[in-house]
PDB file of N, CA and C in Angstrom:
ATOM      1  N   MET A   1     -13.937  15.358 -12.066  1.00  0.00           N
ATOM      2  CA  MET A   1     -13.371  14.176 -11.467  1.00  0.00           C
ATOM      3  C   MET A   1     -13.517  14.222  -9.941  1.00  0.00           C
ATOM      4  N   VAL A   2     -13.320  15.403  -9.368  1.00  0.00           N
ATOM      5  CA  VAL A   2     -13.443  15.534  -7.917  1.00  0.00           C
ATOM      6  C   VAL A   2     -14.853  15.146  -7.478  1.00  0.00           C
ATOM      7  N   ALA A   3     -15.835  15.620  -8.202  1.00  0.00           N
ATOM      8  CA  ALA A   3     -17.226  15.297  -7.860  1.00  0.00           C
ATOM      9  C   ALA A   3     -17.475  13.796  -7.990  1.00  0.00           C
ATOM     10  N   ALA A   4     -16.899  13.180  -9.008  1.00  0.00           N
ATOM     11  CA  ALA A   4     -17.068  11.737  -9.195  1.00  0.00           C
ATOM     12  C   ALA A   4     -16.438  10.963  -8.041  1.00  0.00           C
ATOM     13  N   ILE A   5     -15.288  11.404  -7.593  1.00  0.00           N
ATOM     14  CA  ILE A   5     -14.621  10.766  -6.452  1.00  0.00           C
ATOM     15  C   ILE A   5     -15.471  10.940  -5.198  1.00  0.00           C
ATOM     16  N   GLU A   6     -15.949  12.158  -4.977  1.00  0.00           N
ATOM     17  CA  GLU A   6     -16.754  12.430  -3.786  1.00  0.00           C
ATOM     18  C   GLU A   6     -18.043  11.611  -3.758  1.00  0.00           C
ATOM     19  N   ARG A   7     -18.622  11.360  -4.925  1.00  0.00           N
ATOM     20  CA  ARG A   7     -19.855  10.568  -4.987  1.00  0.00           C
ATOM     21  C   ARG A   7     -19.572   9.070  -4.900  1.00  0.00           C
ATOM     22  N   GLY A   8     -18.290   8.688  -4.940  1.00  0.00           N
ATOM     23  CA  GLY A   8     -17.934   7.280  -4.853  1.00  0.00           C
ATOM     24  C   GLY A   8     -17.987   6.543  -6.175  1.00  0.00           C
ATOM     25  N   TRP A   9     -18.207   7.276  -7.273  1.00  0.00           N
ATOM     26  CA  TRP A   9     -18.323   6.655  -8.584  1.00  0.00           C
ATOM     27  C   TRP A   9     -17.026   5.964  -8.981  1.00  0.00           C
ATOM     28  N   VAL A  10     -15.892   6.615  -8.779  1.00  0.00           N
ATOM     29  CA  VAL A  10     -14.600   6.056  -9.184  1.00  0.00           C
ATOM     30  C   VAL A  10     -14.344   4.748  -8.438  1.00  0.00           C
ATOM     31  N   GLN A  11     -14.556   4.751  -7.134  1.00  0.00           N
ATOM     32  CA  GLN A  11     -14.322   3.543  -6.339  1.00  0.00           C
ATOM     33  C   GLN A  11     -15.239   2.411  -6.788  1.00  0.00           C
ATOM     34  N   ARG A  12     -16.504   2.722  -7.078  1.00  0.00           N
ATOM     35  CA  ARG A  12     -17.427   1.685  -7.553  1.00  0.00           C
ATOM     36  C   ARG A  12     -16.979   1.112  -8.891  1.00  0.00           C
ATOM     37  N   GLU A  13     -16.505   1.957  -9.782  1.00  0.00           N
ATOM     38  CA  GLU A  13     -16.015   1.484 -11.083  1.00  0.00           C
ATOM     39  C   GLU A  13     -14.824   0.548 -10.909  1.00  0.00           C
ATOM     40  N   ILE A  14     -13.927   0.911 -10.016  1.00  0.00           N
ATOM     41  CA  ILE A  14     -12.760   0.061  -9.738  1.00  0.00           C
ATOM     42  C   ILE A  14     -13.217  -1.280  -9.182  1.00  0.00           C
ATOM     43  N   GLU A  15     -14.128  -1.239  -8.221  1.00  0.00           N
ATOM     44  CA  GLU A  15     -14.641  -2.476  -7.618  1.00  0.00           C
ATOM     45  C   GLU A  15     -15.329  -3.356  -8.652  1.00  0.00           C
ATOM     46  N   GLU A  16     -16.142  -2.755  -9.507  1.00  0.00           N
ATOM     47  CA  GLU A  16     -16.852  -3.529 -10.524  1.00  0.00           C
ATOM     48  C   GLU A  16     -15.885  -4.135 -11.534  1.00  0.00           C
ATOM     49  N   ALA A  17     -14.859  -3.379 -11.924  1.00  0.00           N
ATOM     50  CA  ALA A  17     -13.869  -3.902 -12.862  1.00  0.00           C
ATOM     51  C   ALA A  17     -13.092  -5.058 -12.234  1.00  0.00           C
ATOM     52  N   ALA A  18     -12.697  -4.895 -10.979  1.00  0.00           N
ATOM     53  CA  ALA A  18     -11.972  -5.966 -10.292  1.00  0.00           C
ATOM     54  C   ALA A  18     -12.848  -7.215 -10.173  1.00  0.00           C
ATOM     55  N   PHE A  19     -14.113  -7.033  -9.861  1.00  0.00           N
ATOM     56  CA  PHE A  19     -15.038  -8.157  -9.738  1.00  0.00           C
ATOM     57  C   PHE A  19     -15.179  -8.869 -11.084  1.00  0.00           C
ATOM     58  N   GLY A  20     -15.298  -8.095 -12.150  1.00  0.00           N
ATOM     59  CA  GLY A  20     -15.409  -8.679 -13.496  1.00  0.00           C
ATOM     60  C   GLY A  20     -14.172  -9.469 -13.881  1.00  0.00           C
ATOM     61  N   HIS A  21     -12.997  -8.932 -13.558  1.00  0.00           N
ATOM     62  CA  HIS A  21     -11.749  -9.647 -13.845  1.00  0.00           C
ATOM     63  C   HIS A  21     -11.679 -10.945 -13.053  1.00  0.00           C
ATOM     64  N   GLN A  22     -12.096 -10.904 -11.785  1.00  0.00           N
ATOM     65  CA  GLN A  22     -12.054 -12.112 -10.959  1.00  0.00           C
ATOM     66  C   GLN A  22     -13.027 -13.161 -11.492  1.00  0.00           C
ATOM     67  N   GLN A  23     -14.206 -12.724 -11.927  1.00  0.00           N
ATOM     68  CA  GLN A  23     -15.170 -13.672 -12.492  1.00  0.00           C
ATOM     69  C   GLN A  23     -14.609 -14.323 -13.751  1.00  0.00           C
ATOM     70  N   ALA A  24     -13.963 -13.534 -14.606  1.00  0.00           N
ATOM     71  CA  ALA A  24     -13.378 -14.080 -15.832  1.00  0.00           C
ATOM     72  C   ALA A  24     -12.259 -15.067 -15.504  1.00  0.00           C
ATOM     73  N   PHE A  25     -11.472 -14.757 -14.510  1.00  0.00           N
ATOM     74  CA  PHE A  25     -10.408 -15.655 -14.070  1.00  0.00           C
ATOM     75  C   PHE A  25     -10.997 -16.954 -13.527  1.00  0.00           C
ATOM     76  N   ASP A  26     -11.994 -16.824 -12.639  1.00  0.00           N
ATOM     77  CA  ASP A  26     -12.599 -17.997 -12.011  1.00  0.00           C
ATOM     78  C   ASP A  26     -13.283 -18.908 -13.032  1.00  0.00           C
ATOM     79  N   SER A  27     -13.911 -18.310 -14.034  1.00  0.00           N
ATOM     80  CA  SER A  27     -14.618 -19.109 -15.036  1.00  0.00           C
ATOM     81  C   SER A  27     -13.673 -19.678 -16.089  1.00  0.00           C
ATOM     82  N   GLY A  28     -12.441 -19.205 -16.130  1.00  0.00           N
ATOM     83  CA  GLY A  28     -11.487 -19.684 -17.128  1.00  0.00           C
ATOM     84  C   GLY A  28     -11.518 -18.876 -18.407  1.00  0.00           C
ATOM     85  N   THR A  29     -12.392 -17.873 -18.493  1.00  0.00           N
ATOM     86  CA  THR A  29     -12.439 -17.012 -19.666  1.00  0.00           C
ATOM     87  C   THR A  29     -11.146 -16.228 -19.807  1.00  0.00           C
ATOM     88  N   SER A  30     -10.610 -15.792 -18.685  1.00  0.00           N
ATOM     89  CA  SER A  30      -9.326 -15.106 -18.657  1.00  0.00           C
ATOM     90  C   SER A  30      -8.270 -16.119 -18.229  1.00  0.00           C
ATOM     91  N   VAL A  31      -7.265 -16.317 -19.070  1.00  0.00           N
ATOM     92  CA  VAL A  31      -6.250 -17.330 -18.809  1.00  0.00           C
ATOM     93  C   VAL A  31      -5.002 -16.691 -18.214  1.00  0.00           C
ATOM     94  N   VAL A  32      -4.550 -17.278 -17.117  1.00  0.00           N
ATOM     95  CA  VAL A  32      -3.270 -16.900 -16.526  1.00  0.00           C
ATOM     96  C   VAL A  32      -2.441 -18.178 -16.514  1.00  0.00           C
ATOM     97  N   VAL A  33      -1.507 -18.255 -17.443  1.00  0.00           N
ATOM     98  CA  VAL A  33      -0.697 -19.462 -17.607  1.00  0.00           C
ATOM     99  C   VAL A  33       0.041 -19.772 -16.320  1.00  0.00           C
ATOM    100  N   GLY A  34      -0.071 -21.018 -15.899  1.00  0.00           N
ATOM    101  CA  GLY A  34       0.599 -21.456 -14.685  1.00  0.00           C
ATOM    102  C   GLY A  34      -0.230 -21.245 -13.433  1.00  0.00           C
ATOM    103  N   VAL A  35      -1.338 -20.510 -13.550  1.00  0.00           N
ATOM    104  CA  VAL A  35      -2.187 -20.260 -12.385  1.00  0.00           C
ATOM    105  C   VAL A  35      -3.534 -20.960 -12.547  1.00  0.00           C
ATOM    106  N   ASN A  36      -4.258 -20.618 -13.624  1.00  0.00           N
ATOM    107  CA  ASN A  36      -5.544 -21.277 -13.827  1.00  0.00           C
ATOM    108  C   ASN A  36      -5.584 -22.110 -15.109  1.00  0.00           C
ATOM    109  N   ARG A  37      -4.465 -22.201 -15.806  1.00  0.00           N
ATOM    110  CA  ARG A  37      -4.359 -23.051 -16.982  1.00  0.00           C
ATOM    111  C   ARG A  37      -2.898 -23.415 -17.195  1.00  0.00           C
ATOM    112  N   PHE A  38      -2.681 -24.609 -17.700  1.00  0.00           N
ATOM    113  CA  PHE A  38      -1.329 -25.111 -17.987  1.00  0.00           C
ATOM    114  C   PHE A  38      -0.445 -25.139 -16.732  1.00  0.00           C
ATOM    115  N   THR A  39      -1.029 -25.631 -15.651  1.00  0.00           N
ATOM    116  CA  THR A  39      -0.277 -25.733 -14.407  1.00  0.00           C
ATOM    117  C   THR A  39       0.437 -27.076 -14.346  1.00  0.00           C
ATOM    118  N   ALA A  40       1.556 -27.110 -13.662  1.00  0.00           N
ATOM    119  CA  ALA A  40       2.284 -28.357 -13.449  1.00  0.00           C
ATOM    120  C   ALA A  40       1.573 -29.139 -12.356  1.00  0.00           C
ATOM    121  N   PRO A  41       1.552 -30.451 -12.439  1.00  0.00           N
ATOM    122  CA  PRO A  41       0.823 -31.258 -11.453  1.00  0.00           C
ATOM    123  C   PRO A  41       1.295 -31.063 -10.014  1.00  0.00           C
ATOM    124  N   ASP A  42       2.552 -30.736  -9.786  1.00  0.00           N
ATOM    125  CA  ASP A  42       3.067 -30.638  -8.425  1.00  0.00           C
ATOM    126  C   ASP A  42       2.925 -29.249  -7.814  1.00  0.00           C
ATOM    127  N   THR A  43       2.173 -28.362  -8.434  1.00  0.00           N
ATOM    128  CA  THR A  43       2.045 -26.997  -7.920  1.00  0.00           C
ATOM    129  C   THR A  43       0.750 -26.782  -7.140  1.00  0.00           C
ATOM    130  N   THR A  44       0.125 -27.846  -6.676  1.00  0.00           N
ATOM    131  CA  THR A  44      -1.124 -27.685  -5.938  1.00  0.00           C
ATOM    132  C   THR A  44      -0.894 -27.164  -4.529  1.00  0.00           C
ATOM    133  N   GLU A  45       0.263 -27.401  -3.962  1.00  0.00           N
ATOM    134  CA  GLU A  45       0.592 -26.934  -2.622  1.00  0.00           C
ATOM    135  C   GLU A  45       1.618 -25.805  -2.712  1.00  0.00           C
ATOM    136  N   PRO A  46       1.555 -24.864  -1.792  1.00  0.00           N
ATOM    137  CA  PRO A  46       2.587 -23.816  -1.791  1.00  0.00           C
ATOM    138  C   PRO A  46       3.966 -24.434  -1.657  1.00  0.00           C
ATOM    139  N   ARG A  47       4.919 -23.879  -2.358  1.00  0.00           N
ATOM    140  CA  ARG A  47       6.279 -24.416  -2.331  1.00  0.00           C
ATOM    141  C   ARG A  47       6.974 -24.126  -1.005  1.00  0.00           C
ATOM    142  N   GLU A  48       6.599 -23.057  -0.379  1.00  0.00           N
ATOM    143  CA  GLU A  48       7.255 -22.680   0.874  1.00  0.00           C
ATOM    144  C   GLU A  48       6.190 -22.327   1.903  1.00  0.00           C
ATOM    145  N   ARG A  49       6.301 -22.881   3.043  1.00  0.00           N
ATOM    146  CA  ARG A  49       5.376 -22.568   4.129  1.00  0.00           C
ATOM    147  C   ARG A  49       6.055 -21.582   5.065  1.00  0.00           C
ATOM    148  N   LEU A  50       5.304 -20.568   5.462  1.00  0.00           N
ATOM    149  CA  LEU A  50       5.844 -19.568   6.373  1.00  0.00           C
ATOM    150  C   LEU A  50       5.650 -20.029   7.809  1.00  0.00           C
ATOM    151  N   GLU A  51       6.636 -19.783   8.592  1.00  0.00           N
ATOM    152  CA  GLU A  51       6.560 -20.147  10.006  1.00  0.00           C
ATOM    153  C   GLU A  51       5.624 -19.168  10.722  1.00  0.00           C
ATOM    154  N   GLY A  52       5.104 -19.568  11.853  1.00  0.00           N
ATOM    155  CA  GLY A  52       4.201 -18.731  12.620  1.00  0.00           C
ATOM    156  C   GLY A  52       4.867 -17.504  13.207  1.00  0.00           C
ATOM    157  N   THR A  53       6.198 -17.431  13.168  1.00  0.00           N
ATOM    158  CA  THR A  53       6.917 -16.316  13.781  1.00  0.00           C
ATOM    159  C   THR A  53       7.215 -15.188  12.803  1.00  0.00           C
ATOM    160  N   VAL A  54       6.787 -15.315  11.562  1.00  0.00           N
ATOM    161  CA  VAL A  54       7.108 -14.291  10.559  1.00  0.00           C
ATOM    162  C   VAL A  54       6.608 -12.922  10.997  1.00  0.00           C
ATOM    163  N   GLU A  55       5.370 -12.850  11.463  1.00  0.00           N
ATOM    164  CA  GLU A  55       4.806 -11.570  11.891  1.00  0.00           C
ATOM    165  C   GLU A  55       5.598 -11.001  13.072  1.00  0.00           C
ATOM    166  N   GLN A  56       5.893 -11.833  14.045  1.00  0.00           N
ATOM    167  CA  GLN A  56       6.644 -11.367  15.212  1.00  0.00           C
ATOM    168  C   GLN A  56       8.049 -10.918  14.823  1.00  0.00           C
ATOM    169  N   ASP A  57       8.682 -11.638  13.899  1.00  0.00           N
ATOM    170  CA  ASP A  57      10.011 -11.240  13.423  1.00  0.00           C
ATOM    171  C   ASP A  57       9.967  -9.853  12.782  1.00  0.00           C
ATOM    172  N   GLN A  58       8.932  -9.587  11.986  1.00  0.00           N
ATOM    173  CA  GLN A  58       8.806  -8.285  11.335  1.00  0.00           C
ATOM    174  C   GLN A  58       8.575  -7.192  12.368  1.00  0.00           C
ATOM    175  N   ILE A  59       7.763  -7.464  13.368  1.00  0.00           N
ATOM    176  CA  ILE A  59       7.527  -6.490  14.437  1.00  0.00           C
ATOM    177  C   ILE A  59       8.843  -6.142  15.121  1.00  0.00           C
ATOM    178  N   GLU A  60       9.643  -7.148  15.390  1.00  0.00           N
ATOM    179  CA  GLU A  60      10.942  -6.922  16.037  1.00  0.00           C
ATOM    180  C   GLU A  60      11.884  -6.118  15.148  1.00  0.00           C
ATOM    181  N   ARG A  61      11.867  -6.388  13.836  1.00  0.00           N
ATOM    182  CA  ARG A  61      12.721  -5.622  12.914  1.00  0.00           C
ATOM    183  C   ARG A  61      12.323  -4.150  12.886  1.00  0.00           C
ATOM    184  N   VAL A  62      11.013  -3.875  12.896  1.00  0.00           N
ATOM    185  CA  VAL A  62      10.549  -2.483  12.896  1.00  0.00           C
ATOM    186  C   VAL A  62      10.929  -1.802  14.209  1.00  0.00           C
ATOM    187  N   ARG A  63      10.785  -2.505  15.330  1.00  0.00           N
ATOM    188  CA  ARG A  63      11.194  -1.931  16.619  1.00  0.00           C
ATOM    189  C   ARG A  63      12.683  -1.602  16.624  1.00  0.00           C
ATOM    190  N   ALA A  64      13.497  -2.513  16.094  1.00  0.00           N
ATOM    191  CA  ALA A  64      14.945  -2.283  16.050  1.00  0.00           C
ATOM    192  C   ALA A  64      15.280  -1.092  15.153  1.00  0.00           C
ATOM    193  N   LEU A  65      14.591  -0.980  14.027  1.00  0.00           N
ATOM    194  CA  LEU A  65      14.791   0.157  13.126  1.00  0.00           C
ATOM    195  C   LEU A  65      14.477   1.463  13.844  1.00  0.00           C
ATOM    196  N   ARG A  66      13.371   1.490  14.557  1.00  0.00           N
ATOM    197  CA  ARG A  66      12.968   2.711  15.263  1.00  0.00           C
ATOM    198  C   ARG A  66      13.968   3.083  16.353  1.00  0.00           C
ATOM    199  N   MET A  67      14.603   2.098  16.960  1.00  0.00           N
ATOM    200  CA  MET A  67      15.580   2.374  18.016  1.00  0.00           C
ATOM    201  C   MET A  67      16.884   2.950  17.464  1.00  0.00           C
ATOM    202  N   ARG A  68      17.255   2.547  16.245  1.00  0.00           N
ATOM    203  CA  ARG A  68      18.558   2.974  15.727  1.00  0.00           C
ATOM    204  C   ARG A  68      18.503   4.210  14.818  1.00  0.00           C
ATOM    205  N   ARG A  69      17.328   4.652  14.428  1.00  0.00           N
ATOM    206  CA  ARG A  69      17.255   5.815  13.542  1.00  0.00           C
ATOM    207  C   ARG A  69      17.468   7.098  14.335  1.00  0.00           C
ATOM    208  N   ASP A  70      17.900   8.130  13.636  1.00  0.00           N
ATOM    209  CA  ASP A  70      18.111   9.452  14.240  1.00  0.00           C
ATOM    210  C   ASP A  70      16.743  10.123  14.382  1.00  0.00           C
ATOM    211  N   PRO A  71      16.260  10.327  15.616  1.00  0.00           N
ATOM    212  CA  PRO A  71      14.906  10.855  15.792  1.00  0.00           C
ATOM    213  C   PRO A  71      14.714  12.256  15.214  1.00  0.00           C
ATOM    214  N   LEU A  72      15.720  13.103  15.292  1.00  0.00           N
ATOM    215  CA  LEU A  72      15.592  14.462  14.759  1.00  0.00           C
ATOM    216  C   LEU A  72      15.488  14.428  13.237  1.00  0.00           C
ATOM    217  N   ARG A  73      16.354  13.648  12.595  1.00  0.00           N
ATOM    218  CA  ARG A  73      16.323  13.537  11.128  1.00  0.00           C
ATOM    219  C   ARG A  73      14.994  12.934  10.677  1.00  0.00           C
ATOM    220  N   TRP A  74      14.524  11.899  11.384  1.00  0.00           N
ATOM    221  CA  TRP A  74      13.266  11.232  11.044  1.00  0.00           C
ATOM    222  C   TRP A  74      12.086  12.191  11.170  1.00  0.00           C
ATOM    223  N   ARG A  75      12.005  12.901  12.308  1.00  0.00           N
ATOM    224  CA  ARG A  75      10.898  13.831  12.549  1.00  0.00           C
ATOM    225  C   ARG A  75      10.914  14.967  11.523  1.00  0.00           C
ATOM    226  N   THR A  76      12.095  15.503  11.240  1.00  0.00           N
ATOM    227  CA  THR A  76      12.231  16.587  10.267  1.00  0.00           C
ATOM    228  C   THR A  76      11.770  16.129   8.878  1.00  0.00           C
ATOM    229  N   ALA A  77      12.156  14.912   8.506  1.00  0.00           N
ATOM    230  CA  ALA A  77      11.775  14.385   7.193  1.00  0.00           C
ATOM    231  C   ALA A  77      10.258  14.214   7.089  1.00  0.00           C
ATOM    232  N   LEU A  78       9.626  13.719   8.141  1.00  0.00           N
ATOM    233  CA  LEU A  78       8.169  13.547   8.103  1.00  0.00           C
ATOM    234  C   LEU A  78       7.451  14.894   8.064  1.00  0.00           C
ATOM    235  N   HIS A  79       7.986  15.884   8.778  1.00  0.00           N
ATOM    236  CA  HIS A  79       7.395  17.229   8.717  1.00  0.00           C
ATOM    237  C   HIS A  79       7.520  17.800   7.304  1.00  0.00           C
ATOM    238  N   ARG A  80       8.629  17.500   6.642  1.00  0.00           N
ATOM    239  CA  ARG A  80       8.816  17.988   5.272  1.00  0.00           C
ATOM    240  C   ARG A  80       7.787  17.349   4.341  1.00  0.00           C
ATOM    241  N   VAL A  81       7.492  16.070   4.545  1.00  0.00           N
ATOM    242  CA  VAL A  81       6.465  15.412   3.727  1.00  0.00           C
ATOM    243  C   VAL A  81       5.128  16.149   3.897  1.00  0.00           C
ATOM    244  N   THR A  82       4.757  16.429   5.138  1.00  0.00           N
ATOM    245  CA  THR A  82       3.499  17.130   5.401  1.00  0.00           C
ATOM    246  C   THR A  82       3.514  18.529   4.790  1.00  0.00           C
ATOM    247  N   ASP A  83       4.619  19.252   4.962  1.00  0.00           N
ATOM    248  CA  ASP A  83       4.722  20.605   4.413  1.00  0.00           C
ATOM    249  C   ASP A  83       4.625  20.602   2.896  1.00  0.00           C
ATOM    250  N   GLN A  84       5.316  19.659   2.243  1.00  0.00           N
ATOM    251  CA  GLN A  84       5.286  19.591   0.787  1.00  0.00           C
ATOM    252  C   GLN A  84       3.884  19.216   0.291  1.00  0.00           C
ATOM    253  N   ALA A  85       3.184  18.386   1.041  1.00  0.00           N
ATOM    254  CA  ALA A  85       1.816  18.027   0.655  1.00  0.00           C
ATOM    255  C   ALA A  85       0.908  19.259   0.711  1.00  0.00           C
ATOM    256  N   ARG A  86       1.117  20.119   1.688  1.00  0.00           N
ATOM    257  CA  ARG A  86       0.307  21.350   1.792  1.00  0.00           C
ATOM    258  C   ARG A  86       0.591  22.310   0.645  1.00  0.00           C
ATOM    259  N   CYS A  87       1.820  22.286   0.137  1.00  0.00           N
ATOM    260  CA  CYS A  87       2.224  23.222  -0.918  1.00  0.00           C
ATOM    261  C   CYS A  87       1.856  22.739  -2.313  1.00  0.00           C
ATOM    262  N   SER A  88       1.333  21.537  -2.416  1.00  0.00           N
ATOM    263  CA  SER A  88       0.982  20.953  -3.721  1.00  0.00           C
ATOM    264  C   SER A  88       2.181  20.895  -4.651  1.00  0.00           C
ATOM    265  N   THR A  89       3.347  20.599  -4.101  1.00  0.00           N
ATOM    266  CA  THR A  89       4.534  20.437  -4.939  1.00  0.00           C
ATOM    267  C   THR A  89       4.859  18.953  -5.043  1.00  0.00           C
ATOM    268  N   ASN A  90       5.900  18.646  -5.791  1.00  0.00           N
ATOM    269  CA  ASN A  90       6.330  17.268  -5.974  1.00  0.00           C
ATOM    270  C   ASN A  90       6.709  16.662  -4.620  1.00  0.00           C
ATOM    271  N   LEU A  91       6.010  15.630  -4.210  1.00  0.00           N
ATOM    272  CA  LEU A  91       6.241  14.988  -2.921  1.00  0.00           C
ATOM    273  C   LEU A  91       7.393  13.989  -2.938  1.00  0.00           C
ATOM    274  N   MET A  92       7.802  13.544  -4.117  1.00  0.00           N
ATOM    275  CA  MET A  92       8.772  12.460  -4.181  1.00  0.00           C
ATOM    276  C   MET A  92      10.089  12.765  -3.473  1.00  0.00           C
ATOM    277  N   PRO A  93      10.700  13.944  -3.638  1.00  0.00           N
ATOM    278  CA  PRO A  93      11.947  14.198  -2.902  1.00  0.00           C
ATOM    279  C   PRO A  93      11.764  14.118  -1.381  1.00  0.00           C
ATOM    280  N   ALA A  94      10.655  14.628  -0.882  1.00  0.00           N
ATOM    281  CA  ALA A  94      10.399  14.577   0.558  1.00  0.00           C
ATOM    282  C   ALA A  94      10.144  13.139   1.017  1.00  0.00           C
ATOM    283  N   ILE A  95       9.448  12.361   0.212  1.00  0.00           N
ATOM    284  CA  ILE A  95       9.198  10.957   0.555  1.00  0.00           C
ATOM    285  C   ILE A  95      10.508  10.179   0.570  1.00  0.00           C
ATOM    286  N   LEU A  96      11.360  10.414  -0.425  1.00  0.00           N
ATOM    287  CA  LEU A  96      12.659   9.733  -0.457  1.00  0.00           C
ATOM    288  C   LEU A  96      13.514  10.105   0.755  1.00  0.00           C
ATOM    289  N   GLU A  97      13.477  11.357   1.132  1.00  0.00           N
ATOM    290  CA  GLU A  97      14.206  11.798   2.328  1.00  0.00           C
ATOM    291  C   GLU A  97      13.665  11.079   3.570  1.00  0.00           C
ATOM    292  N   ALA A  98      12.361  10.932   3.647  1.00  0.00           N
ATOM    293  CA  ALA A  98      11.756  10.232   4.783  1.00  0.00           C
ATOM    294  C   ALA A  98      12.176   8.759   4.805  1.00  0.00           C
ATOM    295  N   VAL A  99      12.197   8.132   3.640  1.00  0.00           N
ATOM    296  CA  VAL A  99      12.642   6.739   3.555  1.00  0.00           C
ATOM    297  C   VAL A  99      14.094   6.626   3.997  1.00  0.00           C
ATOM    298  N   GLU A 100      14.925   7.539   3.530  1.00  0.00           N
ATOM    299  CA  GLU A 100      16.342   7.520   3.902  1.00  0.00           C
ATOM    300  C   GLU A 100      16.550   7.790   5.391  1.00  0.00           C
ATOM    301  N   SER A 101      15.582   8.438   6.032  1.00  0.00           N
ATOM    302  CA  SER A 101      15.688   8.694   7.474  1.00  0.00           C
ATOM    303  C   SER A 101      15.077   7.541   8.280  1.00  0.00           C
ATOM    304  N   CYS A 102      14.735   6.458   7.591  1.00  0.00           N
ATOM    305  CA  CYS A 102      14.179   5.237   8.198  1.00  0.00           C
ATOM    306  C   CYS A 102      12.740   5.392   8.663  1.00  0.00           C
ATOM    307  N   ALA A 103      11.979   6.251   8.014  1.00  0.00           N
ATOM    308  CA  ALA A 103      10.546   6.328   8.296  1.00  0.00           C
ATOM    309  C   ALA A 103       9.870   5.121   7.661  1.00  0.00           C
ATOM    310  N   THR A 104       8.836   4.619   8.301  1.00  0.00           N
ATOM    311  CA  THR A 104       8.099   3.487   7.748  1.00  0.00           C
ATOM    312  C   THR A 104       7.059   3.982   6.744  1.00  0.00           C
ATOM    313  N   VAL A 105       6.556   3.061   5.939  1.00  0.00           N
ATOM    314  CA  VAL A 105       5.517   3.415   4.972  1.00  0.00           C
ATOM    315  C   VAL A 105       4.298   3.979   5.704  1.00  0.00           C
ATOM    316  N   GLY A 106       3.931   3.371   6.812  1.00  0.00           N
ATOM    317  CA  GLY A 106       2.787   3.851   7.586  1.00  0.00           C
ATOM    318  C   GLY A 106       2.980   5.260   8.109  1.00  0.00           C
ATOM    319  N   GLU A 107       4.200   5.560   8.572  1.00  0.00           N
ATOM    320  CA  GLU A 107       4.481   6.905   9.078  1.00  0.00           C
ATOM    321  C   GLU A 107       4.430   7.935   7.957  1.00  0.00           C
ATOM    322  N   ILE A 108       4.931   7.576   6.796  1.00  0.00           N
ATOM    323  CA  ILE A 108       4.893   8.490   5.647  1.00  0.00           C
ATOM    324  C   ILE A 108       3.447   8.703   5.210  1.00  0.00           C
ATOM    325  N   ALA A 109       2.690   7.629   5.150  1.00  0.00           N
ATOM    326  CA  ALA A 109       1.274   7.743   4.768  1.00  0.00           C
ATOM    327  C   ALA A 109       0.504   8.600   5.770  1.00  0.00           C
ATOM    328  N   SER A 110       0.799   8.452   7.049  1.00  0.00           N
ATOM    329  CA  SER A 110       0.128   9.270   8.072  1.00  0.00           C
ATOM    330  C   SER A 110       0.466  10.745   7.904  1.00  0.00           C
ATOM    331  N   SER A 111       1.716  11.027   7.541  1.00  0.00           N
ATOM    332  CA  SER A 111       2.119  12.421   7.317  1.00  0.00           C
ATOM    333  C   SER A 111       1.336  13.034   6.161  1.00  0.00           C
ATOM    334  N   MET A 112       1.139  12.265   5.099  1.00  0.00           N
ATOM    335  CA  MET A 112       0.359  12.765   3.973  1.00  0.00           C
ATOM    336  C   MET A 112      -1.125  12.812   4.335  1.00  0.00           C
ATOM    337  N   GLY A 113      -1.565  11.871   5.171  1.00  0.00           N
ATOM    338  CA  GLY A 113      -2.959  11.836   5.589  1.00  0.00           C
ATOM    339  C   GLY A 113      -3.366  13.058   6.382  1.00  0.00           C
ATOM    340  N   GLU A 114      -2.394  13.687   7.058  1.00  0.00           N
ATOM    341  CA  GLU A 114      -2.707  14.923   7.792  1.00  0.00           C
ATOM    342  C   GLU A 114      -3.210  16.005   6.851  1.00  0.00           C
ATOM    343  N   VAL A 115      -2.747  15.980   5.619  1.00  0.00           N
ATOM    344  CA  VAL A 115      -3.139  16.990   4.632  1.00  0.00           C
ATOM    345  C   VAL A 115      -4.286  16.486   3.761  1.00  0.00           C
ATOM    346  N   PHE A 116      -4.137  15.276   3.232  1.00  0.00           N
ATOM    347  CA  PHE A 116      -5.098  14.757   2.259  1.00  0.00           C
ATOM    348  C   PHE A 116      -6.270  14.029   2.890  1.00  0.00           C
ATOM    349  N   GLY A 117      -6.139  13.626   4.140  1.00  0.00           N
ATOM    350  CA  GLY A 117      -7.176  12.833   4.774  1.00  0.00           C
ATOM    351  C   GLY A 117      -7.065  11.385   4.338  1.00  0.00           C
ATOM    352  N   GLU A 118      -8.032  10.596   4.760  1.00  0.00           N
ATOM    353  CA  GLU A 118      -8.077   9.191   4.387  1.00  0.00           C
ATOM    354  C   GLU A 118      -9.343   8.928   3.624  1.00  0.00           C
ATOM    355  N   TYR A 119      -9.281   7.939   2.731  1.00  0.00           N
ATOM    356  CA  TYR A 119     -10.443   7.588   1.919  1.00  0.00           C
ATOM    357  C   TYR A 119     -11.563   7.075   2.814  1.00  0.00           C
ATOM    358  N   GLN A 120     -12.728   7.628   2.634  1.00  0.00           N
ATOM    359  CA  GLN A 120     -13.935   7.168   3.298  1.00  0.00           C
ATOM    360  C   GLN A 120     -14.957   6.893   2.221  1.00  0.00           C
ATOM    361  N   PRO A 121     -15.423   5.666   2.111  1.00  0.00           N
ATOM    362  CA  PRO A 121     -16.408   5.378   1.049  1.00  0.00           C
ATOM    363  C   PRO A 121     -17.659   6.236   1.234  1.00  0.00           C
ATOM    364  N   ALA A 122     -18.166   6.690   0.126  1.00  0.00           N
ATOM    365  CA  ALA A 122     -19.383   7.508   0.170  1.00  0.00           C
ATOM    366  C   ALA A 122     -20.549   6.631   0.583  1.00  0.00           C
ATOM    367  N   SER A 123     -21.395   7.148   1.431  1.00  0.00           N
ATOM    368  CA  SER A 123     -22.582   6.380   1.818  1.00  0.00           C
ATOM    369  C   SER A 123     -23.571   6.422   0.668  1.00  0.00           C
ATOM    370  N   LEU A 124     -24.136   5.281   0.378  1.00  0.00           N
ATOM    371  CA  LEU A 124     -25.040   5.196  -0.781  1.00  0.00           C
ATOM    372  C   LEU A 124     -26.448   5.587  -0.427  1.00  0.00           C
TER     373      LEU A 124
END
């Protein structure tokens, strides 16, 4: 399996399967009730429009979270995630601790990325 991942075979299979599912959906071969078949006439427009400030509001919420969290507890929790990833043990308790210390998903992913790296598609 490791060799298949390194050669990019797994990612290509996922991409091909997703493409096939999308083609079946688009052609109507695959039915999703309420989405591409048996839709109500008034569902052509989104029911709720998001304001242009949604992104800025989220940025402000993350900034506020970072200001109020305990920096020592947060840093310690992220270090534990990295340490547990190196030990090949169950990461879930360390991830939960990081979440409880107000670490963001990106920060937790970066901590694991220090050990596991990031996905890079294989060059064909």
